[in-house]
C-alpha atoms as a PDB file:
ATOM      1  CA  MET A   1      43.383 180.188 100.676  1.00  0.00           C
ATOM      2  CA  THR A   2      40.275 178.248  99.526  1.00  0.00           C
ATOM      3  CA  PRO A   3      40.430 175.598  96.882  1.00  0.00           C
ATOM      4  CA  LEU A   4      39.125 176.513  93.219  1.00  0.00           C
ATOM      5  CA  PRO A   5      35.894 175.697  92.689  1.00  0.00           C
ATOM      6  CA  GLY A   6      35.572 171.819  92.458  1.00  0.00           C
ATOM      7  CA  ALA A   7      39.118 171.843  93.658  1.00  0.00           C
ATOM      8  CA  VAL A   8      40.251 171.247  89.889  1.00  0.00           C
ATOM      9  CA  GLY A   9      43.885 172.479  89.014  1.00  0.00           C
ATOM     10  CA  ILE A  10      44.264 175.061  86.650  1.00  0.00           C
ATOM     11  CA  SER A  11      47.518 176.059  84.464  1.00  0.00           C
ATOM     12  CA  GLY A  12      47.987 178.265  81.751  1.00  0.00           C
ATOM     13  CA  LEU A  13      49.594 176.807  78.568  1.00  0.00           C
ATOM     14  CA  THR A  14      51.516 177.944  75.580  1.00  0.00           C
ATOM     15  CA  VAL A  15      51.689 174.827  72.724  1.00  0.00           C
ATOM     16  CA  TYR A  16      55.221 173.772  71.914  1.00  0.00           C
ATOM     17  CA  ASP A  17      55.732 175.051  68.692  1.00  0.00           C
ATOM     18  CA  TRP A  18      58.378 172.730  67.797  1.00  0.00           C
ATOM     19  CA  GLU A  19      58.110 170.637  64.766  1.00  0.00           C
ATOM     20  CA  ALA A  20      58.241 166.749  64.976  1.00  0.00           C
ATOM     21  CA  ALA A  21      59.347 164.068  62.745  1.00  0.00           C
ATOM     22  CA  ASP A  22      55.956 163.912  60.953  1.00  0.00           C
ATOM     23  CA  GLY A  23      55.837 167.518  60.033  1.00  0.00           C
ATOM     24  CA  LEU A  24      53.463 169.116  62.625  1.00  0.00           C
ATOM     25  CA  CYS A  25      54.344 171.108  65.920  1.00  0.00           C
ATOM     26  CA  GLY A  26      53.177 170.509  69.594  1.00  0.00           C
ATOM     27  CA  GLY A  27      53.619 168.339  72.324  1.00  0.00           C
ATOM     28  CA  THR A  28      54.104 164.940  73.882  1.00  0.00           C
ATOM     29  CA  PRO A  29      51.329 162.642  73.405  1.00  0.00           C
ATOM     30  CA  HIS A  30      50.524 160.678  77.131  1.00  0.00           C
ATOM     31  CA  MET A  31      47.214 159.778  79.130  1.00  0.00           C
ATOM     32  CA  HIS A  32      45.975 160.215  82.395  1.00  0.00           C
ATOM     33  CA  LEU A  33      44.358 157.228  85.078  1.00  0.00           C
ATOM     34  CA  VAL A  34      42.275 159.155  86.551  1.00  0.00           C
ATOM     35  CA  CYS A  35      42.238 162.653  85.614  1.00  0.00           C
ATOM     36  CA  SER A  36      39.507 164.163  83.056  1.00  0.00           C
ATOM     37  CA  GLU A  37      41.142 167.352  81.226  1.00  0.00           C
ATOM     38  CA  ALA A  38      39.396 170.036  79.709  1.00  0.00           C
ATOM     39  CA  TYR A  39      41.147 172.906  77.477  1.00  0.00           C
ATOM     40  CA  VAL A  40      39.472 176.661  76.947  1.00  0.00           C
ATOM     41  CA  VAL A  41      41.461 177.885  74.001  1.00  0.00           C
ATOM     42  CA  ILE A  42      42.230 181.784  74.534  1.00  0.00           C
ATOM     43  CA  ALA A  43      44.704 182.314  71.318  1.00  0.00           C
ATOM     44  CA  GLY A  44      45.601 180.457  68.054  1.00  0.00           C
ATOM     45  CA  GLU A  45      44.846 177.088  66.299  1.00  0.00           C
ATOM     46  CA  GLY A  46      45.739 173.932  66.324  1.00  0.00           C
ATOM     47  CA  SER A  47      44.120 170.775  67.229  1.00  0.00           C
ATOM     48  CA  VAL A  48      44.427 168.004  69.652  1.00  0.00           C
ATOM     49  CA  GLN A  49      44.908 164.443  68.395  1.00  0.00           C
ATOM     50  CA  THR A  50      43.306 161.525  70.722  1.00  0.00           C
ATOM     51  CA  LEU A  51      43.583 157.696  70.183  1.00  0.00           C
ATOM     52  CA  THR A  52      41.223 155.639  72.618  1.00  0.00           C
ATOM     53  CA  THR A  53      39.682 151.845  72.260  1.00  0.00           C
ATOM     54  CA  SER A  54      36.973 153.561  70.002  1.00  0.00           C
ATOM     55  CA  GLY A  55      40.088 154.895  67.282  1.00  0.00           C
ATOM     56  CA  PHE A  56      41.737 157.998  66.007  1.00  0.00           C
ATOM     57  CA  ALA A  57      40.116 161.604  66.069  1.00  0.00           C
ATOM     58  CA  ASP A  58      41.683 164.860  65.159  1.00  0.00           C
ATOM     59  CA  THR A  59      39.828 167.629  67.134  1.00  0.00           C
ATOM     60  CA  PRO A  60      40.242 171.230  66.045  1.00  0.00           C
ATOM     61  CA  LEU A  61      41.202 173.891  68.837  1.00  0.00           C
ATOM     62  CA  ARG A  62      40.202 177.893  67.976  1.00  0.00           C
ATOM     63  CA  PRO A  63      39.968 180.880  70.125  1.00  0.00           C
ATOM     64  CA  GLY A  64      36.460 180.424  72.337  1.00  0.00           C
ATOM     65  CA  ASP A  65      36.788 176.317  71.789  1.00  0.00           C
ATOM     66  CA  VAL A  66      36.146 174.363  75.013  1.00  0.00           C
ATOM     67  CA  VAL A  67      37.353 170.454  74.638  1.00  0.00           C
ATOM     68  CA  TRP A  68      37.581 167.795  77.162  1.00  0.00           C
ATOM     69  CA  PHE A  69      38.238 164.344  77.358  1.00  0.00           C
ATOM     70  CA  THR A  70      38.148 161.277  79.919  1.00  0.00           C
ATOM     71  CA  PRO A  71      40.728 159.636  81.515  1.00  0.00           C
ATOM     72  CA  GLY A  72      41.879 156.817  78.896  1.00  0.00           C
ATOM     73  CA  THR A  73      42.097 159.222  75.997  1.00  0.00           C
ATOM     74  CA  ILE A  74      45.800 159.380  74.839  1.00  0.00           C
ATOM     75  CA  HIS A  75      46.261 163.165  73.457  1.00  0.00           C
ATOM     76  CA  ARG A  76      48.907 165.241  71.628  1.00  0.00           C
ATOM     77  CA  LEU A  77      48.334 169.009  71.290  1.00  0.00           C
ATOM     78  CA  VAL A  78      49.348 170.223  67.988  1.00  0.00           C
ATOM     79  CA  ASN A  79      50.057 173.422  67.123  1.00  0.00           C
ATOM     80  CA  ALA A  80      49.268 175.493  63.403  1.00  0.00           C
ATOM     81  CA  GLY A  81      50.038 178.732  65.005  1.00  0.00           C
ATOM     82  CA  GLY A  82      50.632 180.843  68.465  1.00  0.00           C
ATOM     83  CA  LEU A  83      47.948 178.100  70.390  1.00  0.00           C
ATOM     84  CA  ARG A  84      47.427 179.103  73.851  1.00  0.00           C
ATOM     85  CA  LEU A  85      45.428 177.382  76.460  1.00  0.00           C
ATOM     86  CA  VAL A  86      44.205 177.546  79.865  1.00  0.00           C
ATOM     87  CA  VAL A  87      44.085 173.808  81.158  1.00  0.00           C
ATOM     88  CA  LEU A  88      41.654 172.569  83.821  1.00  0.00           C
ATOM     89  CA  MET A  89      42.556 169.416  85.419  1.00  0.00           C
ATOM     90  CA  GLN A  90      39.980 167.133  87.420  1.00  0.00           C
ATOM     91  CA  ASN A  91      41.252 166.085  91.000  1.00  0.00           C
ATOM     92  CA  SER A  92      42.889 168.917  92.208  1.00  0.00           C
ATOM     93  CA  GLY A  93      45.645 168.686  89.803  1.00  0.00           C
ATOM     94  CA  LEU A  94      46.650 165.163  90.017  1.00  0.00           C
ATOM     95  CA  PRO A  95      48.482 164.925  86.773  1.00  0.00           C
ATOM     96  CA  GLU A  96      51.606 167.145  88.901  1.00  0.00           C
ATOM     97  CA  ALA A  97      51.438 164.348  91.231  1.00  0.00           C
ATOM     98  CA  GLY A  98      52.388 161.519  88.562  1.00  0.00           C
ATOM     99  CA  ASP A  99      48.921 160.820  86.927  1.00  0.00           C
ATOM    100  CA  ALA A 100      50.219 160.829  83.345  1.00  0.00           C
ATOM    101  CA  VAL A 101      51.783 158.091  81.094  1.00  0.00           C
ATOM    102  CA  PHE A 102      54.185 159.264  78.260  1.00  0.00           C
ATOM    103  CA  THR A 103      53.463 157.075  75.151  1.00  0.00           C
ATOM    104  CA  PHE A 104      57.070 155.826  75.257  1.00  0.00           C
ATOM    105  CA  PRO A 105      58.214 152.745  72.930  1.00  0.00           C
ATOM    106  CA  PRO A 106      57.312 149.325  74.610  1.00  0.00           C
ATOM    107  CA  PRO A 107      60.731 148.577  75.902  1.00  0.00           C
ATOM    108  CA  VAL A 108      60.872 151.706  77.469  1.00  0.00           C
ATOM    109  CA  LEU A 109      57.473 151.165  79.401  1.00  0.00           C
ATOM    110  CA  ALA A 110      58.335 148.075  80.000  1.00  0.00           C
ATOM    111  CA  ASP A 111      61.505 148.988  82.273  1.00  0.00           C
ATOM    112  CA  PRO A 112      60.849 151.312  85.215  1.00  0.00           C
ATOM    113  CA  ASP A 113      63.978 152.936  85.392  1.00  0.00           C
ATOM    114  CA  ALA A 114      64.035 153.218  81.599  1.00  0.00           C
ATOM    115  CA  TYR A 115      60.809 154.959  81.796  1.00  0.00           C
ATOM    116  CA  ARG A 116      61.795 157.173  84.900  1.00  0.00           C
ATOM    117  CA  ALA A 117      65.341 158.384  82.619  1.00  0.00           C
ATOM    118  CA  ALA A 118      63.276 159.423  79.509  1.00  0.00           C
ATOM    119  CA  ALA A 119      60.392 161.194  81.315  1.00  0.00           C
ATOM    120  CA  VAL A 120      62.390 163.384  83.870  1.00  0.00           C
ATOM    121  CA  LEU A 121      63.938 166.649  82.382  1.00  0.00           C
ATOM    122  CA  THR A 122      67.919 166.952  83.145  1.00  0.00           C
ATOM    123  CA  GLY A 123      70.390 168.728  81.830  1.00  0.00           C
ATOM    124  CA  ASP A 124      69.453 171.520  79.146  1.00  0.00           C
ATOM    125  CA  HIS A 125      65.388 171.186  79.840  1.00  0.00           C
ATOM    126  CA  ALA A 126      64.227 172.371  76.214  1.00  0.00           C
ATOM    127  CA  GLU A 127      66.279 169.879  74.345  1.00  0.00           C
ATOM    128  CA  ALA A 128      65.647 167.553  77.184  1.00  0.00           C
ATOM    129  CA  ALA A 129      61.465 168.100  76.775  1.00  0.00           C
ATOM    130  CA  ARG A 130      61.993 167.821  73.133  1.00  0.00           C
ATOM    131  CA  ARG A 131      63.733 164.359  73.302  1.00  0.00           C
ATOM    132  CA  ARG A 132      60.738 163.306  75.289  1.00  0.00           C
ATOM    133  CA  ARG A 133      58.658 164.832  72.891  1.00  0.00           C
ATOM    134  CA  ASP A 134      59.961 162.781  70.131  1.00  0.00           C
ATOM    135  CA  LEU A 135      60.509 159.150  71.855  1.00  0.00           C
ATOM    136  CA  ALA A 136      56.422 159.568  73.148  1.00  0.00           C
ATOM    137  CA  LEU A 137      55.854 160.412  69.599  1.00  0.00           C
ATOM    138  CA  GLU A 138      57.277 157.271  68.207  1.00  0.00           C
ATOM    139  CA  GLY A 139      55.525 155.251  70.722  1.00  0.00           C
ATOM    140  CA  PHE A 140      51.924 157.487  69.652  1.00  0.00           C
ATOM    141  CA  GLN A 141      52.447 156.266  65.960  1.00  0.00           C
ATOM    142  CA  ALA A 142      53.269 152.590  67.030  1.00  0.00           C
ATOM    143  CA  LEU A 143      50.190 152.628  69.210  1.00  0.00           C
ATOM    144  CA  ARG A 144      47.718 154.024  66.367  1.00  0.00           C
ATOM    145  CA  GLU A 145      48.532 150.486  64.582  1.00  0.00           C
ATOM    146  CA  GLY A 146      47.414 148.811  68.004  1.00  0.00           C
ATOM    147  CA  GLY A 147      48.741 147.782  71.472  1.00  0.00           C
ATOM    148  CA  LEU A 148      46.403 150.108  73.285  1.00  0.00           C
ATOM    149  CA  ARG A 149      45.609 147.087  75.464  1.00  0.00           C
ATOM    150  CA  GLU A 150      48.633 146.267  76.594  1.00  0.00           C
ATOM    151  CA  PHE A 151      49.820 150.258  76.546  1.00  0.00           C
ATOM    152  CA  HIS A 152      47.125 150.372  79.685  1.00  0.00           C
ATOM    153  CA  THR A 153      48.416 147.558  81.440  1.00  0.00           C
ATOM    154  CA  ALA A 154      52.067 149.141  81.213  1.00  0.00           C
ATOM    155  CA  ALA A 155      50.633 152.561  82.691  1.00  0.00           C
ATOM    156  CA  HIS A 156      48.751 150.721  85.538  1.00  0.00           C
ATOM    157  CA  ARG A 157      52.285 149.230  86.509  1.00  0.00           C
ATOM    158  CA  LEU A 158      54.611 152.235  86.367  1.00  0.00           C
ATOM    159  CA  LYS A 159      51.947 154.108  88.688  1.00  0.00           C
ATOM    160  CA  ARG A 160      49.798 151.603  90.649  1.00  0.00           C
ATOM    161  CA  GLU A 161      52.821 152.379  93.695  1.00  0.00           C
ATOM    162  CA  LEU A 162      51.286 156.104  93.552  1.00  0.00           C
ATOM    163  CA  LEU A 163      47.290 155.280  93.979  1.00  0.00           C
ATOM    164  CA  ASP A 164      47.221 155.481  97.696  1.00  0.00           C
ATOM    165  CA  ALA A 165      48.594 158.960  97.666  1.00  0.00           C
ATOM    166  CA  TRP A 166      46.057 159.737  94.934  1.00  0.00           C
ATOM    167  CA  TRP A 167      43.136 158.687  97.128  1.00  0.00           C
ATOM    168  CA  ILE A 168      44.691 160.939  99.262  1.00  0.00           C
ATOM    169  CA  ARG A 169      44.347 164.073  97.134  1.00  0.00           C
ATOM    170  CA  TRP A 170      40.677 162.853  95.627  1.00  0.00           C
ATOM    171  CA  ARG A 171      39.603 162.716  99.485  1.00  0.00           C
ATOM    172  CA  ASP A 172      40.514 166.156 100.528  1.00  0.00           C
ATOM    173  CA  GLY A 173      40.089 167.651  97.255  1.00  0.00           C
ATOM    174  CA  PRO A 174      37.010 167.089  95.152  1.00  0.00           C
ATOM    175  CA  LEU A 175      35.553 164.403  97.216  1.00  0.00           C
ATOM    176  CA  ALA A 176      35.616 166.931 100.583  1.00  0.00           C
ATOM    177  CA  THR A 177      34.348 169.802  98.245  1.00  0.00           C
ATOM    178  CA  THR A 178      31.139 167.948  97.491  1.00  0.00           C
ATOM    179  CA  LEU A 179      30.700 166.839 100.701  1.00  0.00           C
ATOM    180  CA  MET A 180      30.904 170.576 101.604  1.00  0.00           C
ATOM    181  CA  THR A 181      28.028 171.532  99.371  1.00  0.00           C
ATOM    182  CA  GLY A 182      25.686 168.911 101.186  1.00  0.00           C
ATOM    183  CA  CYS A 183      26.416 170.495 104.415  1.00  0.00           C
ATOM    184  CA  GLN A 184      25.257 173.657 103.026  1.00  0.00           C
ATOM    185  CA  LEU A 185      22.449 172.247 101.682  1.00  0.00           C
ATOM    186  CA  ASP A 186      21.173 170.559 104.659  1.00  0.00           C
ATOM    187  CA  ALA A 187      21.771 173.739 106.723  1.00  0.00           C
ATOM    188  CA  LEU A 188      19.899 175.589 104.480  1.00  0.00           C
ATOM    189  CA  LYS A 189      16.843 173.517 104.962  1.00  0.00           C
ATOM    190  CA  THR A 190      16.718 174.112 108.393  1.00  0.00           C
ATOM    191  CA  GLY A 191      17.480 177.741 108.226  1.00  0.00           C
ATOM    192  CA  ASP A 192      21.109 177.651 109.602  1.00  0.00           C
ATOM    193  CA  LEU A 193      22.533 180.636 107.389  1.00  0.00           C
ATOM    194  CA  SER A 194      25.421 180.382 109.154  1.00  0.00           C
ATOM    195  CA  HIS A 195      28.467 179.437 106.323  1.00  0.00           C
ATOM    196  CA  LEU A 196      27.174 182.399 104.663  1.00  0.00           C
ATOM    197  CA  ASP A 197      28.982 184.558 106.878  1.00  0.00           C
ATOM    198  CA  LEU A 198      32.185 182.900 105.824  1.00  0.00           C
ATOM    199  CA  GLY A 199      32.247 184.380 102.254  1.00  0.00           C
ATOM    200  CA  GLU A 200      35.386 185.265 100.782  1.00  0.00           C
ATOM    201  CA  VAL A 201      37.504 186.265  98.069  1.00  0.00           C
ATOM    202  CA  SER A 202      40.490 184.667  96.714  1.00  0.00           C
ATOM    203  CA  ARG A 203      43.098 185.921  94.035  1.00  0.00           C
ATOM    204  CA  LEU A 204      46.180 184.418  92.203  1.00  0.00           C
ATOM    205  CA  GLU A 205      48.613 186.088  90.143  1.00  0.00           C
ATOM    206  CA  ARG A 206      49.916 184.108  86.916  1.00  0.00           C
ATOM    207  CA  PRO A 207      53.091 182.299  87.252  1.00  0.00           C
ATOM    208  CA  GLU A 208      56.155 184.268  86.564  1.00  0.00           C
ATOM    209  CA  ASP A 209      58.560 181.239  85.468  1.00  0.00           C
ATOM    210  CA  PRO A 210      57.156 178.771  83.381  1.00  0.00           C
ATOM    211  CA  LEU A 211      57.857 175.068  83.273  1.00  0.00           C
ATOM    212  CA  PHE A 212      58.639 172.864  80.123  1.00  0.00           C
ATOM    213  CA  GLY A 213      55.505 171.061  80.639  1.00  0.00           C
ATOM    214  CA  MET A 214      54.342 167.937  78.704  1.00  0.00           C
ATOM    215  CA  CYS A 215      52.402 169.995  75.792  1.00  0.00           C
ATOM    216  CA  GLY A 216      54.543 173.323  76.449  1.00  0.00           C
ATOM    217  CA  LEU A 217      55.294 175.933  78.349  1.00  0.00           C
ATOM    218  CA  LEU A 218      53.126 175.546  81.488  1.00  0.00           C
ATOM    219  CA  HIS A 219      52.042 178.192  84.250  1.00  0.00           C
ATOM    220  CA  PRO A 220      50.713 176.276  87.244  1.00  0.00           C
ATOM    221  CA  TYR A 221      48.663 177.646  89.628  1.00  0.00           C
ATOM    222  CA  HIS A 222      49.628 176.606  93.000  1.00  0.00           C
ATOM    223  CA  VAL A 223      46.241 176.814  95.279  1.00  0.00           C
ATOM    224  CA  THR A 224      46.635 174.950  98.161  1.00  0.00           C
ATOM    225  CA  ALA A 225      48.994 172.696  99.597  1.00  0.00           C
ATOM    226  CA  LEU A 226      47.507 168.605 100.029  1.00  0.00           C
ATOM    227  CA  PRO A 227      48.681 165.815 102.340  1.00  0.00           C
ATOM    228  CA  THR A 228      50.390 163.039 100.585  1.00  0.00           C
ATOM    229  CA  GLN A 229      50.451 160.028 103.035  1.00  0.00           C
ATOM    230  CA  PRO A 230      48.257 156.947 102.258  1.00  0.00           C
ATOM    231  CA  PRO A 231      44.822 156.368 103.845  1.00  0.00           C
ATOM    232  CA  GLY A 232      45.014 154.103 106.743  1.00  0.00           C
ATOM    233  CA  GLY A 233      47.405 156.624 108.764  1.00  0.00           C
ATOM    234  CA  ALA A 234      46.007 157.789 112.270  1.00  0.00           C
ATOM    235  CA  SER A 235      44.588 160.576 110.326  1.00  0.00           C
ATOM    236  CA  ALA A 236      42.646 159.150 107.172  1.00  0.00           C
ATOM    237  CA  SER A 237      39.659 156.717 107.292  1.00  0.00           C
ATOM    238  CA  PRO A 238      39.855 153.786 104.782  1.00  0.00           C
ATOM    239  CA  HIS A 239      36.435 154.592 103.201  1.00  0.00           C
ATOM    240  CA  PRO A 240      35.249 158.247 102.221  1.00  0.00           C
ATOM    241  CA  PRO A 241      32.719 159.347 105.033  1.00  0.00           C
ATOM    242  CA  HIS A 242      28.915 159.208 104.590  1.00  0.00           C
ATOM    243  CA  PRO A 243      27.528 162.816 103.680  1.00  0.00           C
ATOM    244  CA  LYS A 244      25.573 162.995 106.975  1.00  0.00           C
ATOM    245  CA  GLU A 245      28.908 162.530 108.817  1.00  0.00           C
ATOM    246  CA  SER A 246      30.804 165.035 107.055  1.00  0.00           C
ATOM    247  CA  CYS A 247      28.426 167.591 108.457  1.00  0.00           C
ATOM    248  CA  ARG A 248      29.400 167.210 112.069  1.00  0.00           C
END
């Protein structure tokens, strides 16, 4: 099966309707280090609360809206009633490979074992996901008063060992897709139409069993399995290929 256009990740999401300590219903605040994320609202209404170095914002979500944000944006989905989304993730769905950091309080962020214990769902997954949400919300509320730079540093410290594997996903996903388009353009300039003979249709059915995700019940669509070995191995180059070299 060919990758989704642009090598993005795609999931269906039914946002949690669990009420939190501040009286709002919704998901778990978190941040991505290298992924932009987009929401396509298909039902219900609510908002996405965001926190960046520019400040706090609360963006409405209604059917037909498309909202997206870049890495470094802490975000929390708020469900005001029946909120359902299609979520598009940059870089081959990298959050499923660990590119997300929950806004737990600083003592938890400072201890990798404590962070892992708070982040992993064990036992009753619904109860565990709710506890995780509430702990992240506690940290999120504190971050609104300050400490965002320190949170960035803690997030990097927690995830830096995954960077090589993420590099491979980027190289073999979105970068490879972009380079392929360049090769096709070069071929068309010379009158080579051979890639048009390879046209095909792919179809994915909606996953039956949802997962307890960060923001709600998640239906992730799995398109292709990507390699996980770090760059520098026998089959990996330490640098991306030049566009012309990739066409050979």
